Structure formats: C-alpha cells, structure tokens
Amino acid sequence: MFDFGENYEVCNCKKVTIHDITNTIINQNASTLREIQDFTTAGTECRHCIFPEGDFGKIKKKIYCKDILNKVKKGLENG
C-alpha cells in the first residue's frame, strides 16, 4: 500500500508507525485525524506529522497522518 515499510515512523515524538495508524483506522474504525490522535497519540506533540501544511520541521516527513487516513479509507471503499 505504501512505497516504504509499515515500520516507518510517522510520528517521531510518540514513536507511531504507519502500521499503528493503519491498524487504528481498520480495527478501531478511526475516520478522522482527531480519532487517529486519540487512539495513537500521533501528532499530539509538535504536530508536524499530521499534514504537510503543518510541517515546519527542517526535515520533511515522507508521509503524513492525513495521507495514510486518505489512502486507507480509499482502499476500504474500493474493497
């Protein structure tokens, strides 16, 4: 589903991986960024990992929580 491993750390502050977020969307039925934050704590510290527009870090992320949410939701809709 992604161009790099599911162990890629999306949120460095809270050590949350693509797998953690994907699992939350599928198994906890998280459908919003807020729900992803509530279940995983991703994006609750510096908030740079939520979406590109909010990433003010020197080193940009390869993928953001918003990207994962949209991609997984699209995959679930397409069966």
PDB file of N, CA and C in Angstrom:
ATOM      1  N   MET A   1       0.822  -1.194   0.000  1.00  0.00           N
ATOM      2  CA  MET A   1       0.000   0.000   0.000  1.00  0.00           C
ATOM      3  C   MET A   1       0.869   1.262   0.000  1.00  0.00           C
ATOM      4  N   PHE A   2       2.021   1.192   0.635  1.00  0.00           N
ATOM      5  CA  PHE A   2       2.913   2.346   0.712  1.00  0.00           C
ATOM      6  C   PHE A   2       4.250   2.004   0.065  1.00  0.00           C
ATOM      7  N   ASP A   3       4.965   3.030  -0.376  1.00  0.00           N
ATOM      8  CA  ASP A   3       6.235   2.830  -1.071  1.00  0.00           C
ATOM      9  C   ASP A   3       7.377   2.446  -0.145  1.00  0.00           C
ATOM     10  N   PHE A   4       7.150   2.490   1.153  1.00  0.00           N
ATOM     11  CA  PHE A   4       8.176   2.118   2.122  1.00  0.00           C
ATOM     12  C   PHE A   4       7.511   1.320   3.228  1.00  0.00           C
ATOM     13  N   GLY A   5       8.300   0.715   4.089  1.00  0.00           N
ATOM     14  CA  GLY A   5       7.792  -0.214   5.083  1.00  0.00           C
ATOM     15  C   GLY A   5       6.791   0.360   6.065  1.00  0.00           C
ATOM     16  N   GLU A   6       5.935  -0.518   6.562  1.00  0.00           N
ATOM     17  CA  GLU A   6       4.929  -0.110   7.541  1.00  0.00           C
ATOM     18  C   GLU A   6       5.545   0.250   8.886  1.00  0.00           C
ATOM     19  N   ASN A   7       6.837  -0.015   9.051  1.00  0.00           N
ATOM     20  CA  ASN A   7       7.515   0.363  10.291  1.00  0.00           C
ATOM     21  C   ASN A   7       8.079   1.778  10.230  1.00  0.00           C
ATOM     22  N   TYR A   8       7.820   2.485   9.121  1.00  0.00           N
ATOM     23  CA  TYR A   8       8.261   3.877   9.010  1.00  0.00           C
ATOM     24  C   TYR A   8       7.584   4.683  10.113  1.00  0.00           C
ATOM     25  N   GLU A   9       8.382   5.414  10.860  1.00  0.00           N
ATOM     26  CA  GLU A   9       7.887   6.187  11.996  1.00  0.00           C
ATOM     27  C   GLU A   9       7.324   7.522  11.506  1.00  0.00           C
ATOM     28  N   VAL A  10       6.008   7.622  11.494  1.00  0.00           N
ATOM     29  CA  VAL A  10       5.327   8.837  11.047  1.00  0.00           C
ATOM     30  C   VAL A  10       5.456   9.915  12.110  1.00  0.00           C
ATOM     31  N   CYS A  11       5.231   9.554  13.356  1.00  0.00           N
ATOM     32  CA  CYS A  11       5.325  10.497  14.474  1.00  0.00           C
ATOM     33  C   CYS A  11       6.544  10.132  15.318  1.00  0.00           C
ATOM     34  N   ASN A  12       7.603  10.918  15.148  1.00  0.00           N
ATOM     35  CA  ASN A  12       8.826  10.651  15.905  1.00  0.00           C
ATOM     36  C   ASN A  12       8.659  10.966  17.387  1.00  0.00           C
ATOM     37  N   CYS A  13       7.844  11.964  17.706  1.00  0.00           N
ATOM     38  CA  CYS A  13       7.658  12.359  19.107  1.00  0.00           C
ATOM     39  C   CYS A  13       7.051  11.224  19.935  1.00  0.00           C
ATOM     40  N   LYS A  14       6.072  10.530  19.362  1.00  0.00           N
ATOM     41  CA  LYS A  14       5.350   9.478  20.079  1.00  0.00           C
ATOM     42  C   LYS A  14       5.666   8.078  19.567  1.00  0.00           C
ATOM     43  N   LYS A  15       6.609   7.981  18.604  1.00  0.00           N
ATOM     44  CA  LYS A  15       7.051   6.686  18.067  1.00  0.00           C
ATOM     45  C   LYS A  15       5.900   5.894  17.436  1.00  0.00           C
ATOM     46  N   VAL A  16       5.070   6.564  16.639  1.00  0.00           N
ATOM     47  CA  VAL A  16       3.921   5.935  15.991  1.00  0.00           C
ATOM     48  C   VAL A  16       4.272   5.639  14.533  1.00  0.00           C
ATOM     49  N   THR A  17       4.021   4.401  14.115  1.00  0.00           N
ATOM     50  CA  THR A  17       4.383   3.951  12.768  1.00  0.00           C
ATOM     51  C   THR A  17       3.176   3.953  11.824  1.00  0.00           C
ATOM     52  N   ILE A  18       3.467   3.744  10.536  1.00  0.00           N
ATOM     53  CA  ILE A  18       2.393   3.586   9.552  1.00  0.00           C
ATOM     54  C   ILE A  18       1.493   2.435   9.975  1.00  0.00           C
ATOM     55  N   HIS A  19       2.096   1.346  10.421  1.00  0.00           N
ATOM     56  CA  HIS A  19       1.318   0.177  10.862  1.00  0.00           C
ATOM     57  C   HIS A  19       0.359   0.549  11.989  1.00  0.00           C
ATOM     58  N   ASP A  20       0.828   1.307  12.968  1.00  0.00           N
ATOM     59  CA  ASP A  20      -0.024   1.713  14.092  1.00  0.00           C
ATOM     60  C   ASP A  20      -1.240   2.500  13.605  1.00  0.00           C
ATOM     61  N   ILE A  21      -0.999   3.425  12.697  1.00  0.00           N
ATOM     62  CA  ILE A  21      -2.086   4.273  12.199  1.00  0.00           C
ATOM     63  C   ILE A  21      -3.045   3.468  11.331  1.00  0.00           C
ATOM     64  N   THR A  22      -2.506   2.648  10.437  1.00  0.00           N
ATOM     65  CA  THR A  22      -3.339   1.812   9.576  1.00  0.00           C
ATOM     66  C   THR A  22      -4.200   0.878  10.412  1.00  0.00           C
ATOM     67  N   ASN A  23      -3.602   0.264  11.405  1.00  0.00           N
ATOM     68  CA  ASN A  23      -4.306  -0.641  12.309  1.00  0.00           C
ATOM     69  C   ASN A  23      -5.451   0.077  13.023  1.00  0.00           C
ATOM     70  N   THR A  24      -5.215   1.301  13.439  1.00  0.00           N
ATOM     71  CA  THR A  24      -6.230   2.091  14.135  1.00  0.00           C
ATOM     72  C   THR A  24      -7.400   2.417  13.212  1.00  0.00           C
ATOM     73  N   ILE A  25      -7.108   2.748  11.976  1.00  0.00           N
ATOM     74  CA  ILE A  25      -8.166   3.072  11.017  1.00  0.00           C
ATOM     75  C   ILE A  25      -9.021   1.841  10.741  1.00  0.00           C
ATOM     76  N   ILE A  26      -8.380   0.707  10.552  1.00  0.00           N
ATOM     77  CA  ILE A  26      -9.102  -0.519  10.207  1.00  0.00           C
ATOM     78  C   ILE A  26      -9.795  -1.136  11.422  1.00  0.00           C
ATOM     79  N   ASN A  27      -9.072  -1.312  12.519  1.00  0.00           N
ATOM     80  CA  ASN A  27      -9.610  -2.049  13.668  1.00  0.00           C
ATOM     81  C   ASN A  27     -10.394  -1.207  14.666  1.00  0.00           C
ATOM     82  N   GLN A  28     -10.085   0.082  14.747  1.00  0.00           N
ATOM     83  CA  GLN A  28     -10.806   0.960  15.678  1.00  0.00           C
ATOM     84  C   GLN A  28     -11.810   1.851  14.937  1.00  0.00           C
ATOM     85  N   ASN A  29     -11.885   1.676  13.612  1.00  0.00           N
ATOM     86  CA  ASN A  29     -12.775   2.470  12.759  1.00  0.00           C
ATOM     87  C   ASN A  29     -12.525   3.965  12.869  1.00  0.00           C
ATOM     88  N   ALA A  30     -11.272   4.346  13.068  1.00  0.00           N
ATOM     89  CA  ALA A  30     -10.931   5.771  13.111  1.00  0.00           C
ATOM     90  C   ALA A  30     -11.144   6.352  11.718  1.00  0.00           C
ATOM     91  N   SER A  31     -11.893   7.446  11.644  1.00  0.00           N
ATOM     92  CA  SER A  31     -12.199   8.027  10.338  1.00  0.00           C
ATOM     93  C   SER A  31     -11.828   9.502  10.236  1.00  0.00           C
ATOM     94  N   THR A  32     -11.213  10.039  11.288  1.00  0.00           N
ATOM     95  CA  THR A  32     -10.773  11.435  11.279  1.00  0.00           C
ATOM     96  C   THR A  32      -9.365  11.530  11.851  1.00  0.00           C
ATOM     97  N   LEU A  33      -8.706  12.629  11.569  1.00  0.00           N
ATOM     98  CA  LEU A  33      -7.375  12.848  12.147  1.00  0.00           C
ATOM     99  C   LEU A  33      -7.459  12.915  13.666  1.00  0.00           C
ATOM    100  N   ARG A  34      -8.509  13.510  14.202  1.00  0.00           N
ATOM    101  CA  ARG A  34      -8.690  13.604  15.655  1.00  0.00           C
ATOM    102  C   ARG A  34      -8.770  12.211  16.271  1.00  0.00           C
ATOM    103  N   GLU A  35      -9.495  11.305  15.635  1.00  0.00           N
ATOM    104  CA  GLU A  35      -9.603   9.938  16.159  1.00  0.00           C
ATOM    105  C   GLU A  35      -8.256   9.223  16.103  1.00  0.00           C
ATOM    106  N   ILE A  36      -7.498   9.450  15.041  1.00  0.00           N
ATOM    107  CA  ILE A  36      -6.156   8.866  14.965  1.00  0.00           C
ATOM    108  C   ILE A  36      -5.306   9.391  16.115  1.00  0.00           C
ATOM    109  N   GLN A  37      -5.391  10.678  16.392  1.00  0.00           N
ATOM    110  CA  GLN A  37      -4.648  11.264  17.508  1.00  0.00           C
ATOM    111  C   GLN A  37      -5.104  10.665  18.833  1.00  0.00           C
ATOM    112  N   ASP A  38      -6.406  10.520  19.013  1.00  0.00           N
ATOM    113  CA  ASP A  38      -6.934   9.977  20.268  1.00  0.00           C
ATOM    114  C   ASP A  38      -6.474   8.540  20.508  1.00  0.00           C
ATOM    115  N   PHE A  39      -6.479   7.716  19.462  1.00  0.00           N
ATOM    116  CA  PHE A  39      -6.113   6.306  19.610  1.00  0.00           C
ATOM    117  C   PHE A  39      -4.604   6.071  19.661  1.00  0.00           C
ATOM    118  N   THR A  40      -3.825   6.850  18.886  1.00  0.00           N
ATOM    119  CA  THR A  40      -2.391   6.566  18.773  1.00  0.00           C
ATOM    120  C   THR A  40      -1.495   7.599  19.446  1.00  0.00           C
ATOM    121  N   THR A  41      -2.009   8.762  19.734  1.00  0.00           N
ATOM    122  CA  THR A  41      -1.296   9.953  20.233  1.00  0.00           C
ATOM    123  C   THR A  41      -0.389  10.581  19.177  1.00  0.00           C
ATOM    124  N   ALA A  42      -0.426  10.081  17.938  1.00  0.00           N
ATOM    125  CA  ALA A  42       0.356  10.691  16.852  1.00  0.00           C
ATOM    126  C   ALA A  42      -0.109  12.127  16.644  1.00  0.00           C
ATOM    127  N   GLY A  43       0.835  13.018  16.473  1.00  0.00           N
ATOM    128  CA  GLY A  43       0.503  14.405  16.188  1.00  0.00           C
ATOM    129  C   GLY A  43       0.032  15.220  17.368  1.00  0.00           C
ATOM    130  N   THR A  44       0.254  14.713  18.571  1.00  0.00           N
ATOM    131  CA  THR A  44      -0.200  15.455  19.750  1.00  0.00           C
ATOM    132  C   THR A  44       0.911  16.253  20.416  1.00  0.00           C
ATOM    133  N   GLU A  45       2.131  16.129  19.928  1.00  0.00           N
ATOM    134  CA  GLU A  45       3.260  16.906  20.479  1.00  0.00           C
ATOM    135  C   GLU A  45       3.543  18.091  19.564  1.00  0.00           C
ATOM    136  N   CYS A  46       4.431  17.923  18.614  1.00  0.00           N
ATOM    137  CA  CYS A  46       4.837  19.040  17.744  1.00  0.00           C
ATOM    138  C   CYS A  46       3.860  19.259  16.590  1.00  0.00           C
ATOM    139  N   ARG A  47       3.063  18.249  16.260  1.00  0.00           N
ATOM    140  CA  ARG A  47       2.022  18.308  15.228  1.00  0.00           C
ATOM    141  C   ARG A  47       2.556  18.365  13.796  1.00  0.00           C
ATOM    142  N   HIS A  48       3.837  18.165  13.580  1.00  0.00           N
ATOM    143  CA  HIS A  48       4.408  18.225  12.233  1.00  0.00           C
ATOM    144  C   HIS A  48       4.008  17.033  11.378  1.00  0.00           C
ATOM    145  N   CYS A  49       3.550  15.956  11.974  1.00  0.00           N
ATOM    146  CA  CYS A  49       3.262  14.730  11.229  1.00  0.00           C
ATOM    147  C   CYS A  49       1.812  14.621  10.764  1.00  0.00           C
ATOM    148  N   ILE A  50       0.993  15.602  11.077  1.00  0.00           N
ATOM    149  CA  ILE A  50      -0.426  15.494  10.741  1.00  0.00           C
ATOM    150  C   ILE A  50      -0.673  15.703   9.249  1.00  0.00           C
ATOM    151  N   PHE A  51      -0.176  16.807   8.695  1.00  0.00           N
ATOM    152  CA  PHE A  51      -0.319  17.090   7.268  1.00  0.00           C
ATOM    153  C   PHE A  51       0.802  18.018   6.823  1.00  0.00           C
ATOM    154  N   PRO A  52       1.138  18.003   5.532  1.00  0.00           N
ATOM    155  CA  PRO A  52       2.303  18.765   5.047  1.00  0.00           C
ATOM    156  C   PRO A  52       2.242  20.256   5.366  1.00  0.00           C
ATOM    157  N   GLU A  53       1.058  20.830   5.325  1.00  0.00           N
ATOM    158  CA  GLU A  53       0.908  22.263   5.574  1.00  0.00           C
ATOM    159  C   GLU A  53       1.331  22.654   6.989  1.00  0.00           C
ATOM    160  N   GLY A  54       1.316  21.708   7.901  1.00  0.00           N
ATOM    161  CA  GLY A  54       1.686  21.981   9.285  1.00  0.00           C
ATOM    162  C   GLY A  54       3.090  21.534   9.642  1.00  0.00           C
ATOM    163  N   ASP A  55       3.829  21.043   8.651  1.00  0.00           N
ATOM    164  CA  ASP A  55       5.177  20.530   8.910  1.00  0.00           C
ATOM    165  C   ASP A  55       6.198  21.654   8.750  1.00  0.00           C
ATOM    166  N   PHE A  56       6.595  22.218   9.876  1.00  0.00           N
ATOM    167  CA  PHE A  56       7.577  23.296   9.879  1.00  0.00           C
ATOM    168  C   PHE A  56       8.957  22.804  10.300  1.00  0.00           C
ATOM    169  N   GLY A  57       9.121  21.480  10.355  1.00  0.00           N
ATOM    170  CA  GLY A  57      10.409  20.897  10.715  1.00  0.00           C
ATOM    171  C   GLY A  57      11.422  21.058   9.594  1.00  0.00           C
ATOM    172  N   LYS A  58      12.690  20.973   9.935  1.00  0.00           N
ATOM    173  CA  LYS A  58      13.751  21.106   8.929  1.00  0.00           C
ATOM    174  C   LYS A  58      13.746  19.933   7.959  1.00  0.00           C
ATOM    175  N   ILE A  59      13.499  18.739   8.480  1.00  0.00           N
ATOM    176  CA  ILE A  59      13.441  17.535   7.650  1.00  0.00           C
ATOM    177  C   ILE A  59      11.972  17.153   7.495  1.00  0.00           C
ATOM    178  N   LYS A  60      11.492  17.160   6.258  1.00  0.00           N
ATOM    179  CA  LYS A  60      10.084  16.867   5.989  1.00  0.00           C
ATOM    180  C   LYS A  60       9.824  15.365   6.046  1.00  0.00           C
ATOM    181  N   LYS A  61       8.606  15.012   6.439  1.00  0.00           N
ATOM    182  CA  LYS A  61       8.193  13.617   6.513  1.00  0.00           C
ATOM    183  C   LYS A  61       8.006  13.055   5.102  1.00  0.00           C
ATOM    184  N   LYS A  62       8.093  11.737   4.974  1.00  0.00           N
ATOM    185  CA  LYS A  62       7.815  11.073   3.701  1.00  0.00           C
ATOM    186  C   LYS A  62       6.313  10.903   3.510  1.00  0.00           C
ATOM    187  N   ILE A  63       5.594  10.805   4.627  1.00  0.00           N
ATOM    188  CA  ILE A  63       4.146  10.615   4.595  1.00  0.00           C
ATOM    189  C   ILE A  63       3.579  11.183   5.895  1.00  0.00           C
ATOM    190  N   TYR A  64       2.334  11.599   5.842  1.00  0.00           N
ATOM    191  CA  TYR A  64       1.683  12.239   6.988  1.00  0.00           C
ATOM    192  C   TYR A  64       0.435  11.455   7.388  1.00  0.00           C
ATOM    193  N   CYS A  65      -0.042  11.686   8.595  1.00  0.00           N
ATOM    194  CA  CYS A  65      -1.246  11.007   9.087  1.00  0.00           C
ATOM    195  C   CYS A  65      -2.407  11.188   8.111  1.00  0.00           C
ATOM    196  N   LYS A  66      -2.566  12.394   7.597  1.00  0.00           N
ATOM    197  CA  LYS A  66      -3.647  12.686   6.647  1.00  0.00           C
ATOM    198  C   LYS A  66      -3.533  11.813   5.399  1.00  0.00           C
ATOM    199  N   ASP A  67      -2.324  11.629   4.883  1.00  0.00           N
ATOM    200  CA  ASP A  67      -2.106  10.793   3.697  1.00  0.00           C
ATOM    201  C   ASP A  67      -2.501   9.345   3.968  1.00  0.00           C
ATOM    202  N   ILE A  68      -2.102   8.849   5.127  1.00  0.00           N
ATOM    203  CA  ILE A  68      -2.406   7.457   5.493  1.00  0.00           C
ATOM    204  C   ILE A  68      -3.908   7.275   5.630  1.00  0.00           C
ATOM    205  N   LEU A  69      -4.563   8.196   6.328  1.00  0.00           N
ATOM    206  CA  LEU A  69      -6.012   8.129   6.505  1.00  0.00           C
ATOM    207  C   LEU A  69      -6.712   8.093   5.147  1.00  0.00           C
ATOM    208  N   ASN A  70      -6.353   8.996   4.260  1.00  0.00           N
ATOM    209  CA  ASN A  70      -6.997   9.051   2.941  1.00  0.00           C
ATOM    210  C   ASN A  70      -6.744   7.791   2.126  1.00  0.00           C
ATOM    211  N   LYS A  71      -5.525   7.288   2.166  1.00  0.00           N
ATOM    212  CA  LYS A  71      -5.169   6.101   1.383  1.00  0.00           C
ATOM    213  C   LYS A  71      -5.884   4.850   1.913  1.00  0.00           C
ATOM    214  N   VAL A  72      -5.927   4.682   3.221  1.00  0.00           N
ATOM    215  CA  VAL A  72      -6.588   3.507   3.802  1.00  0.00           C
ATOM    216  C   VAL A  72      -8.096   3.586   3.578  1.00  0.00           C
ATOM    217  N   LYS A  73      -8.685   4.758   3.789  1.00  0.00           N
ATOM    218  CA  LYS A  73     -10.125   4.914   3.558  1.00  0.00           C
ATOM    219  C   LYS A  73     -10.482   4.616   2.107  1.00  0.00           C
ATOM    220  N   LYS A  74      -9.662   5.088   1.177  1.00  0.00           N
ATOM    221  CA  LYS A  74      -9.898   4.833  -0.246  1.00  0.00           C
ATOM    222  C   LYS A  74      -9.810   3.339  -0.539  1.00  0.00           C
ATOM    223  N   GLY A  75      -8.826   2.671   0.064  1.00  0.00           N
ATOM    224  CA  GLY A  75      -8.680   1.231  -0.108  1.00  0.00           C
ATOM    225  C   GLY A  75      -9.861   0.462   0.449  1.00  0.00           C
ATOM    226  N   LEU A  76     -10.394   0.903   1.582  1.00  0.00           N
ATOM    227  CA  LEU A  76     -11.549   0.242   2.183  1.00  0.00           C
ATOM    228  C   LEU A  76     -12.801   0.446   1.332  1.00  0.00           C
ATOM    229  N   GLU A  77     -12.935   1.632   0.749  1.00  0.00           N
ATOM    230  CA  GLU A  77     -14.090   1.924  -0.105  1.00  0.00           C
ATOM    231  C   GLU A  77     -14.065   1.099  -1.383  1.00  0.00           C
ATOM    232  N   ASN A  78     -12.864   0.850  -1.897  1.00  0.00           N
ATOM    233  CA  ASN A  78     -12.721   0.097  -3.146  1.00  0.00           C
ATOM    234  C   ASN A  78     -12.722  -1.412  -2.930  1.00  0.00           C
ATOM    235  N   GLY A  79     -12.808  -1.814  -1.670  1.00  0.00           N
ATOM    236  CA  GLY A  79     -12.919  -3.217  -1.341  1.00  0.00           C
ATOM    237  C   GLY A  79     -11.636  -3.913  -1.271  1.00  0.00           C
TER     238      GLY A  79
END
